[in-house]
Protein backbone atom coordinates (compact mmCIF):
# COMPACT_ATOMS: atom_id res chain seq x y z
CA MET A 1 241.82 161.88 253.47
CA LYS A 2 239.11 160.40 255.69
CA GLN A 3 238.63 157.57 253.23
CA SER A 4 242.33 156.79 253.22
CA LEU A 5 242.49 156.68 257.03
CA ALA A 6 239.46 154.42 257.07
CA LEU A 7 241.08 152.06 254.63
CA LEU A 8 244.25 152.02 256.69
CA ALA A 9 242.24 151.22 259.85
CA LEU A 10 240.38 148.49 258.08
CA ALA A 11 243.62 146.97 256.73
CA ALA A 12 245.22 147.11 260.15
CA THR A 13 242.20 145.45 261.72
CA SER A 14 242.19 142.76 259.01
CA PHE A 15 245.94 142.15 259.56
CA ALA A 16 245.45 141.85 263.25
CA ALA A 17 242.64 139.29 262.80
CA HIS A 18 244.88 137.21 260.49
CA ALA A 19 247.97 137.49 262.76
CA ALA A 20 246.36 135.63 265.67
CA ILE A 21 249.30 133.35 266.27
CA ASP A 22 249.45 131.86 269.81
CA SER A 23 252.82 130.79 271.04
CA TYR A 24 253.36 128.40 273.93
CA ALA A 25 256.80 127.85 275.52
CA LEU A 26 257.15 124.29 276.71
CA ASP A 27 257.35 123.85 280.44
CA PRO A 28 260.44 121.66 281.05
CA VAL A 29 258.97 120.47 284.40
CA HIS A 30 255.85 119.18 282.68
CA THR A 31 257.40 118.03 279.43
CA VAL A 32 259.06 114.67 279.07
CA THR A 33 260.39 112.68 276.12
CA ILE A 34 260.12 108.88 276.24
CA PHE A 35 261.64 106.41 273.77
CA GLN A 36 260.89 102.80 272.99
CA VAL A 37 262.90 100.10 271.15
CA GLU A 38 262.56 96.37 270.87
CA HIS A 39 265.05 94.25 272.86
CA LEU A 40 266.14 90.78 271.75
CA GLY A 41 262.83 90.37 269.99
CA LEU A 42 261.36 89.65 273.42
CA SER A 43 260.10 92.93 274.88
CA ASP A 44 259.86 96.68 274.37
CA PHE A 45 262.51 98.68 276.25
CA TYR A 46 261.61 102.21 277.52
CA GLY A 47 263.75 105.05 278.59
CA ARG A 48 263.50 108.81 278.70
CA PHE A 49 265.26 112.15 278.22
CA ASP A 50 265.01 114.40 281.28
CA LYS A 51 265.66 117.76 279.56
CA THR A 52 263.23 118.83 276.78
CA ASN A 53 262.65 122.44 275.75
CA GLY A 54 260.83 124.09 272.89
CA LYS A 55 257.97 126.13 271.50
CA VAL A 56 254.61 125.45 269.84
CA ALA A 57 252.88 128.14 267.84
CA ILE A 58 249.46 127.84 266.26
CA ASP A 59 247.14 130.04 264.23
CA ARG A 60 243.72 128.46 264.63
CA ALA A 61 242.07 130.72 262.13
CA ALA A 62 244.60 130.17 259.39
CA LYS A 63 245.16 126.49 260.33
CA THR A 64 248.87 126.87 260.47
CA GLY A 65 251.50 126.38 263.12
CA SER A 66 255.06 125.49 264.02
CA VAL A 67 256.85 123.23 266.44
CA GLU A 68 260.49 123.49 267.70
CA VAL A 69 261.84 121.00 270.17
CA SER A 70 265.34 120.62 271.61
CA ILE A 71 266.38 117.57 273.66
CA ASP A 72 269.53 117.34 275.78
CA THR A 73 270.80 113.91 274.70
CA ALA A 74 273.07 113.55 277.78
CA SER A 75 269.91 113.64 279.90
CA ILE A 76 269.02 110.07 278.72
CA ASP A 77 267.89 107.85 281.50
CA THR A 78 267.63 104.08 280.85
CA ASN A 79 267.14 103.26 284.57
CA ASP A 80 270.75 101.97 284.74
CA PRO A 81 273.00 104.91 285.85
CA ASP A 82 275.52 102.91 287.98
CA LYS A 83 278.06 100.64 286.35
CA GLY A 84 278.73 98.42 289.45
CA ASN A 85 281.35 95.92 288.43
CA ARG A 86 280.90 96.55 284.71
CA ALA A 87 282.99 98.71 282.51
CA ARG A 88 280.12 101.11 282.10
CA SER A 89 276.44 101.58 282.88
CA ARG A 90 273.76 101.36 280.20
CA ASP A 91 273.16 105.06 280.49
CA ASP A 92 276.89 105.63 279.74
CA HIS A 93 276.75 103.26 276.80
CA ALA A 94 273.71 105.08 275.42
CA ARG A 95 275.67 108.34 275.64
CA SER A 96 278.70 106.85 273.81
CA ALA A 97 279.50 106.94 270.12
CA ASP A 98 277.77 103.56 269.72
CA PHE A 99 274.42 105.36 270.15
CA LEU A 100 273.85 109.11 270.83
CA ASN A 101 277.54 110.34 270.81
CA VAL A 102 276.52 113.08 273.22
CA ALA A 103 280.08 114.52 273.43
CA GLU A 104 279.88 115.50 269.76
CA PHE A 105 276.10 115.93 269.42
CA PRO A 106 274.65 117.23 272.66
CA LYS A 107 271.23 118.06 271.24
CA MET A 108 268.52 116.28 269.33
CA THR A 109 266.26 118.80 267.58
CA TYR A 110 262.95 118.85 265.72
CA LYS A 111 261.67 121.70 263.52
CA SER A 112 258.40 121.52 261.69
CA THR A 113 257.80 122.30 258.10
CA LYS A 114 253.96 121.87 258.13
CA VAL A 115 251.18 121.42 260.69
CA ASP A 116 247.87 119.85 259.69
CA PHE A 117 244.66 120.65 261.63
CA ASN A 118 241.36 118.90 262.27
CA GLY A 119 239.11 121.90 262.99
CA ASP A 120 240.93 124.00 265.52
CA THR A 121 243.18 121.12 266.74
CA PRO A 122 246.63 120.29 265.33
CA VAL A 123 246.77 116.57 264.51
CA LEU A 124 249.85 116.01 262.37
CA VAL A 125 253.21 117.69 262.12
CA GLU A 126 255.75 117.25 259.30
CA GLY A 127 259.29 118.25 260.03
CA ASN A 128 262.91 117.44 260.27
CA LEU A 129 264.61 115.57 263.05
CA THR A 130 268.31 116.13 263.62
CA LEU A 131 269.92 113.25 265.54
CA VAL A 132 273.58 112.40 265.80
CA GLY A 133 274.45 115.05 263.19
CA THR A 134 271.93 113.69 260.57
CA THR A 135 268.78 115.47 259.49
CA LYS A 136 265.84 113.43 258.15
CA PRO A 137 262.09 114.13 257.67
CA VAL A 138 260.01 112.68 260.44
CA THR A 139 256.24 112.99 260.98
CA LEU A 140 254.83 113.68 264.51
CA THR A 141 251.33 112.49 265.18
CA ILE A 142 249.52 114.66 267.74
CA GLN A 143 247.57 112.08 269.80
CA ARG A 144 246.06 114.69 272.08
CA PHE A 145 246.01 118.50 272.26
CA LYS A 146 243.96 120.40 274.79
CA CYS A 147 243.99 123.92 276.32
CA ASN A 148 242.80 125.34 279.62
CA PRO A 149 241.70 128.98 279.34
CA ALA A 150 243.47 131.70 281.27
CA GLN A 151 242.05 132.24 284.72
CA GLY A 152 242.85 135.23 286.94
CA THR A 153 246.57 135.74 286.73
CA ARG A 154 247.18 132.33 285.18
CA LYS A 155 247.90 132.19 281.44
CA GLU A 156 246.27 129.87 279.02
CA ARG A 157 248.06 126.50 279.09
CA CYS A 158 248.04 123.84 276.35
CA GLY A 159 249.34 120.33 276.43
CA GLY A 160 249.18 116.97 274.83
CA ASN A 161 251.02 114.00 273.51
CA ALA A 162 252.98 113.66 270.31
CA MET A 163 254.46 110.46 268.81
CA ALA A 164 256.95 109.68 266.05
CA LYS A 165 258.50 106.48 264.69
CA PHE A 166 261.65 106.24 262.69
CA LYS A 167 264.62 103.94 262.03
CA ARG A 168 267.64 104.81 264.09
CA SER A 169 269.89 103.34 261.41
CA ASP A 170 268.76 106.24 259.12
CA PHE A 171 270.55 108.47 261.62
CA GLY A 172 273.71 106.33 261.65
CA MET A 173 272.89 104.43 264.89
CA LYS A 174 273.42 100.92 263.66
CA TYR A 175 274.97 99.45 266.80
CA GLY A 176 273.22 96.31 268.15
CA ILE A 177 270.78 95.77 265.30
CA PRO A 178 268.85 93.49 265.33
CA SER A 179 269.28 92.56 269.01
CA VAL A 180 268.36 96.15 269.79
CA GLY A 181 265.55 97.11 267.46
CA ASP A 182 266.07 99.46 264.51
CA GLU A 183 262.65 101.12 264.80
CA MET A 184 262.54 103.71 267.51
CA THR A 185 259.40 105.35 268.92
CA ILE A 186 259.55 108.74 270.55
CA LEU A 187 256.66 110.05 272.66
CA ILE A 188 256.65 113.62 273.89
CA SER A 189 254.25 114.54 276.61
CA PHE A 190 254.15 118.29 276.82
CA GLU A 191 252.56 121.33 278.47
CA GLY A 192 253.23 125.03 277.72
CA ASP A 193 251.99 128.42 278.82
CA LYS A 194 250.92 131.04 276.30
CA GLU A 195 253.58 133.70 275.83
């Protein structure tokens, strides 16, 4: 009986050691999503999405993890919110069916399928991006990932930058090509507290 209890205790300890998954809820105040597309072959145009939520989970010992991100597409900001004498502003056009079609597809989401590590640090995420009702595989490159340890009553906080490139035409957004570039770059600057 004692031997059985010892084996159960050892198994429980071993399971706990392997189940060291740390989850971080993204802080929407310190998380922003920026996009970049070429304009008229002359310059790169930048805008942002003001509402990004999600969660990052990592198991440093097992070198595994997961990423889930949800972006409110209506929160797009192209620095042109007022239409003035025009029929619509650039922000309104970006929200229309020509581009994001936010009335029908209010969320852009990303869900990982695999996370690659370099030592204890996640460096590459493979996953699926759902945009304007279409889901395609997209790779996120983690350009930076750092954590500050918990201090006093403050929880451990991690943050960094993640970047992805894809063709918007793959998601049905063909309007304006080639005047508005087909290749789109997304940069997510994020921070999150350990749950």
